[in-house]
Amino acid sequence: MNFRMAKFQHMVLEMQTI
């Protein structure tokens, strides 16, 4: 897995949570 993808996914997840 790419770190960039993981970071991007994490950001998206946080946005979705809110």
Foldseek 3Di string as FASTA:
>chain_A
DDPVVVVVVVVVVVVVVD
